Amino acid sequence: MPWQFDHVQLAIPPGAEGRCDEFYLTLLGFCTLEKPPLLAARGGRWYQRGDVTLHLGVEEDFRPAQKAHPALAVDDYDQLLVRLGDAGVDVRGDASIGGTTRCYVNDPVGNRLELIDAKTRR
């Protein structure tokens, strides 16, 4: 079996789970995964959409990831950008990779995410 990511983890500040749920569940269409009880006691969230698993872990001295980021290839890119724009999310297009349609957004706590139109992914 080839190597593959099991999950990606981003940090969030204490108490930010509700704001993140609105973004990751409602806007991006992830579903919540149940965390094991020992880990659930630490806060944070686990999400999944298709083969993508994303963990949010609480970090007391939180600083958002502004350079490092997960890149998500999405099949509903145009509709997603409309949904994000309608919700007031700042969508920043990036044409630096010819032939690939992509943009950057920040989650509610400032973590950077790259969204790639799966139809143009290289």
C-alpha atoms as a PDB file:
ATOM      1  CA  MET A   1       0.000   0.000   0.000  1.00  0.00           C
ATOM      2  CA  PRO A   2       1.420   3.419  -0.894  1.00  0.00           C
ATOM      3  CA  TRP A   3       1.945   6.010   1.766  1.00  0.00           C
ATOM      4  CA  GLN A   4      -0.865   8.465   2.304  1.00  0.00           C
ATOM      5  CA  PHE A   5      -1.841  10.998   4.934  1.00  0.00           C
ATOM      6  CA  ASP A   6      -4.060   9.671   7.690  1.00  0.00           C
ATOM      7  CA  HIS A   7      -5.051  13.171   8.779  1.00  0.00           C
ATOM      8  CA  VAL A   8      -3.874  16.763   8.995  1.00  0.00           C
ATOM      9  CA  GLN A   9      -4.047  18.681  12.258  1.00  0.00           C
ATOM     10  CA  LEU A  10      -4.471  22.417  12.696  1.00  0.00           C
ATOM     11  CA  ALA A  11      -4.388  24.273  15.995  1.00  0.00           C
ATOM     12  CA  ILE A  12      -7.266  26.340  17.371  1.00  0.00           C
ATOM     13  CA  PRO A  13      -7.533  28.505  20.488  1.00  0.00           C
ATOM     14  CA  PRO A  14      -9.474  27.283  23.524  1.00  0.00           C
ATOM     15  CA  GLY A  15     -13.237  27.618  23.069  1.00  0.00           C
ATOM     16  CA  ALA A  16     -13.188  28.041  19.265  1.00  0.00           C
ATOM     17  CA  GLU A  17     -14.924  24.756  18.412  1.00  0.00           C
ATOM     18  CA  GLY A  18     -18.319  26.367  17.706  1.00  0.00           C
ATOM     19  CA  ARG A  19     -16.890  28.945  15.302  1.00  0.00           C
ATOM     20  CA  CYS A  20     -14.951  26.212  13.548  1.00  0.00           C
ATOM     21  CA  ASP A  21     -18.039  23.980  13.283  1.00  0.00           C
ATOM     22  CA  GLU A  22     -19.870  26.742  11.417  1.00  0.00           C
ATOM     23  CA  PHE A  23     -17.022  26.986   8.903  1.00  0.00           C
ATOM     24  CA  TYR A  24     -15.968  23.365   8.460  1.00  0.00           C
ATOM     25  CA  LEU A  25     -19.409  21.730   8.734  1.00  0.00           C
ATOM     26  CA  THR A  26     -21.746  24.318   7.244  1.00  0.00           C
ATOM     27  CA  LEU A  27     -19.549  25.996   4.641  1.00  0.00           C
ATOM     28  CA  LEU A  28     -17.030  23.304   3.658  1.00  0.00           C
ATOM     29  CA  GLY A  29     -19.377  20.338   4.099  1.00  0.00           C
ATOM     30  CA  PHE A  30     -17.307  18.204   6.459  1.00  0.00           C
ATOM     31  CA  CYS A  31     -18.949  15.801   8.931  1.00  0.00           C
ATOM     32  CA  THR A  32     -17.920  15.487  12.573  1.00  0.00           C
ATOM     33  CA  LEU A  33     -16.042  12.382  13.669  1.00  0.00           C
ATOM     34  CA  GLU A  34     -16.381  11.228  17.256  1.00  0.00           C
ATOM     35  CA  LYS A  35     -13.154  11.562  19.191  1.00  0.00           C
ATOM     36  CA  PRO A  36     -12.122   8.901  21.706  1.00  0.00           C
ATOM     37  CA  PRO A  37     -13.217   9.998  25.227  1.00  0.00           C
ATOM     38  CA  LEU A  38      -9.676  10.685  26.481  1.00  0.00           C
ATOM     39  CA  LEU A  39      -8.981  12.955  23.498  1.00  0.00           C
ATOM     40  CA  ALA A  40     -12.453  14.540  23.554  1.00  0.00           C
ATOM     41  CA  ALA A  41     -11.734  15.788  27.074  1.00  0.00           C
ATOM     42  CA  ARG A  42      -8.933  17.938  25.606  1.00  0.00           C
ATOM     43  CA  GLY A  43     -11.334  19.818  23.313  1.00  0.00           C
ATOM     44  CA  GLY A  44     -10.909  20.337  19.606  1.00  0.00           C
ATOM     45  CA  ARG A  45     -12.709  18.602  16.768  1.00  0.00           C
ATOM     46  CA  TRP A  46     -12.229  15.851  14.212  1.00  0.00           C
ATOM     47  CA  TYR A  47     -13.834  16.270  10.777  1.00  0.00           C
ATOM     48  CA  GLN A  48     -14.057  14.204   7.629  1.00  0.00           C
ATOM     49  CA  ARG A  49     -15.200  14.722   4.056  1.00  0.00           C
ATOM     50  CA  GLY A  50     -14.553  11.907   1.599  1.00  0.00           C
ATOM     51  CA  ASP A  51     -10.951  10.770   2.039  1.00  0.00           C
ATOM     52  CA  VAL A  52      -9.933  13.963   3.877  1.00  0.00           C
ATOM     53  CA  THR A  53      -9.652  13.823   7.667  1.00  0.00           C
ATOM     54  CA  LEU A  54      -8.909  17.051   9.522  1.00  0.00           C
ATOM     55  CA  HIS A  55      -8.200  17.340  13.243  1.00  0.00           C
ATOM     56  CA  LEU A  56      -8.402  20.603  15.160  1.00  0.00           C
ATOM     57  CA  GLY A  57      -6.404  20.553  18.388  1.00  0.00           C
ATOM     58  CA  VAL A  58      -6.641  23.131  21.156  1.00  0.00           C
ATOM     59  CA  GLU A  59      -3.417  25.030  21.748  1.00  0.00           C
ATOM     60  CA  GLU A  60      -3.231  27.370  24.742  1.00  0.00           C
ATOM     61  CA  ASP A  61      -0.769  29.820  23.163  1.00  0.00           C
ATOM     62  CA  PHE A  62      -2.449  29.550  19.761  1.00  0.00           C
ATOM     63  CA  ARG A  63      -1.019  31.251  16.685  1.00  0.00           C
ATOM     64  CA  PRO A  64      -2.771  30.623  13.363  1.00  0.00           C
ATOM     65  CA  ALA A  65      -0.936  28.816  10.577  1.00  0.00           C
ATOM     66  CA  GLN A  66      -0.431  31.569   8.016  1.00  0.00           C
ATOM     67  CA  LYS A  67       2.176  30.011   5.718  1.00  0.00           C
ATOM     68  CA  ALA A  68       1.870  26.281   6.403  1.00  0.00           C
ATOM     69  CA  HIS A  69      -1.526  25.009   5.264  1.00  0.00           C
ATOM     70  CA  PRO A  70      -3.514  22.021   4.063  1.00  0.00           C
ATOM     71  CA  ALA A  71      -4.444  22.087   0.373  1.00  0.00           C
ATOM     72  CA  LEU A  72      -7.828  20.579  -0.433  1.00  0.00           C
ATOM     73  CA  ALA A  73      -8.781  19.474  -3.961  1.00  0.00           C
ATOM     74  CA  VAL A  74     -12.528  20.098  -4.178  1.00  0.00           C
ATOM     75  CA  ASP A  75     -14.988  18.894  -6.793  1.00  0.00           C
ATOM     76  CA  ASP A  76     -17.541  21.686  -6.230  1.00  0.00           C
ATOM     77  CA  TYR A  77     -15.024  24.534  -6.403  1.00  0.00           C
ATOM     78  CA  ASP A  78     -17.207  27.212  -8.041  1.00  0.00           C
ATOM     79  CA  GLN A  79     -20.208  26.530  -5.780  1.00  0.00           C
ATOM     80  CA  LEU A  80     -17.944  26.457  -2.730  1.00  0.00           C
ATOM     81  CA  LEU A  81     -16.482  29.866  -3.564  1.00  0.00           C
ATOM     82  CA  VAL A  82     -19.989  31.319  -3.905  1.00  0.00           C
ATOM     83  CA  ARG A  83     -20.976  29.804  -0.536  1.00  0.00           C
ATOM     84  CA  LEU A  84     -17.841  31.171   1.121  1.00  0.00           C
ATOM     85  CA  GLY A  85     -18.271  34.618  -0.443  1.00  0.00           C
ATOM     86  CA  ASP A  86     -21.927  34.773   0.617  1.00  0.00           C
ATOM     87  CA  ALA A  87     -20.795  34.001   4.177  1.00  0.00           C
ATOM     88  CA  GLY A  88     -18.311  36.882   4.114  1.00  0.00           C
ATOM     89  CA  VAL A  89     -15.178  34.730   3.853  1.00  0.00           C
ATOM     90  CA  ASP A  90     -12.313  36.500   2.078  1.00  0.00           C
ATOM     91  CA  VAL A  91     -11.409  34.366  -0.964  1.00  0.00           C
ATOM     92  CA  ARG A  92      -7.986  35.172  -2.420  1.00  0.00           C
ATOM     93  CA  GLY A  93      -7.397  33.773  -5.903  1.00  0.00           C
ATOM     94  CA  ASP A  94      -3.929  32.624  -6.919  1.00  0.00           C
ATOM     95  CA  ALA A  95      -2.919  32.117 -10.550  1.00  0.00           C
ATOM     96  CA  SER A  96       0.765  31.393  -9.897  1.00  0.00           C
ATOM     97  CA  ILE A  97       0.507  27.765 -11.069  1.00  0.00           C
ATOM     98  CA  GLY A  98      -0.547  27.877 -14.709  1.00  0.00           C
ATOM     99  CA  GLY A  99      -3.552  25.723 -15.537  1.00  0.00           C
ATOM    100  CA  THR A 100      -4.492  25.182 -11.887  1.00  0.00           C
ATOM    101  CA  THR A 101      -7.449  27.061 -10.431  1.00  0.00           C
ATOM    102  CA  ARG A 102      -6.919  27.685  -6.733  1.00  0.00           C
ATOM    103  CA  CYS A 103      -7.418  30.160  -3.934  1.00  0.00           C
ATOM    104  CA  TYR A 104      -6.683  30.738  -0.278  1.00  0.00           C
ATOM    105  CA  VAL A 105      -9.096  31.310   2.581  1.00  0.00           C
ATOM    106  CA  ASN A 106      -8.723  31.517   6.331  1.00  0.00           C
ATOM    107  CA  ASP A 107     -10.824  29.588   8.791  1.00  0.00           C
ATOM    108  CA  PRO A 108     -12.518  31.549  11.612  1.00  0.00           C
ATOM    109  CA  VAL A 109      -9.387  31.477  13.785  1.00  0.00           C
ATOM    110  CA  GLY A 110      -6.999  32.551  11.010  1.00  0.00           C
ATOM    111  CA  ASN A 111      -5.576  29.246   9.769  1.00  0.00           C
ATOM    112  CA  ARG A 112      -4.768  29.350   6.050  1.00  0.00           C
ATOM    113  CA  LEU A 113      -6.372  26.801   3.710  1.00  0.00           C
ATOM    114  CA  GLU A 114      -5.707  26.304   0.018  1.00  0.00           C
ATOM    115  CA  LEU A 115      -8.651  25.231  -2.121  1.00  0.00           C
ATOM    116  CA  ILE A 116      -7.901  23.690  -5.524  1.00  0.00           C
ATOM    117  CA  ASP A 117     -10.443  23.033  -8.251  1.00  0.00           C
ATOM    118  CA  ALA A 118     -10.106  19.244  -8.615  1.00  0.00           C
ATOM    119  CA  LYS A 119     -10.806  19.519 -12.358  1.00  0.00           C
ATOM    120  CA  THR A 120      -7.622  21.569 -12.838  1.00  0.00           C
ATOM    121  CA  ARG A 121      -5.379  19.837 -10.297  1.00  0.00           C
ATOM    122  CA  ARG A 122      -1.922  18.888 -11.527  1.00  0.00           C
END
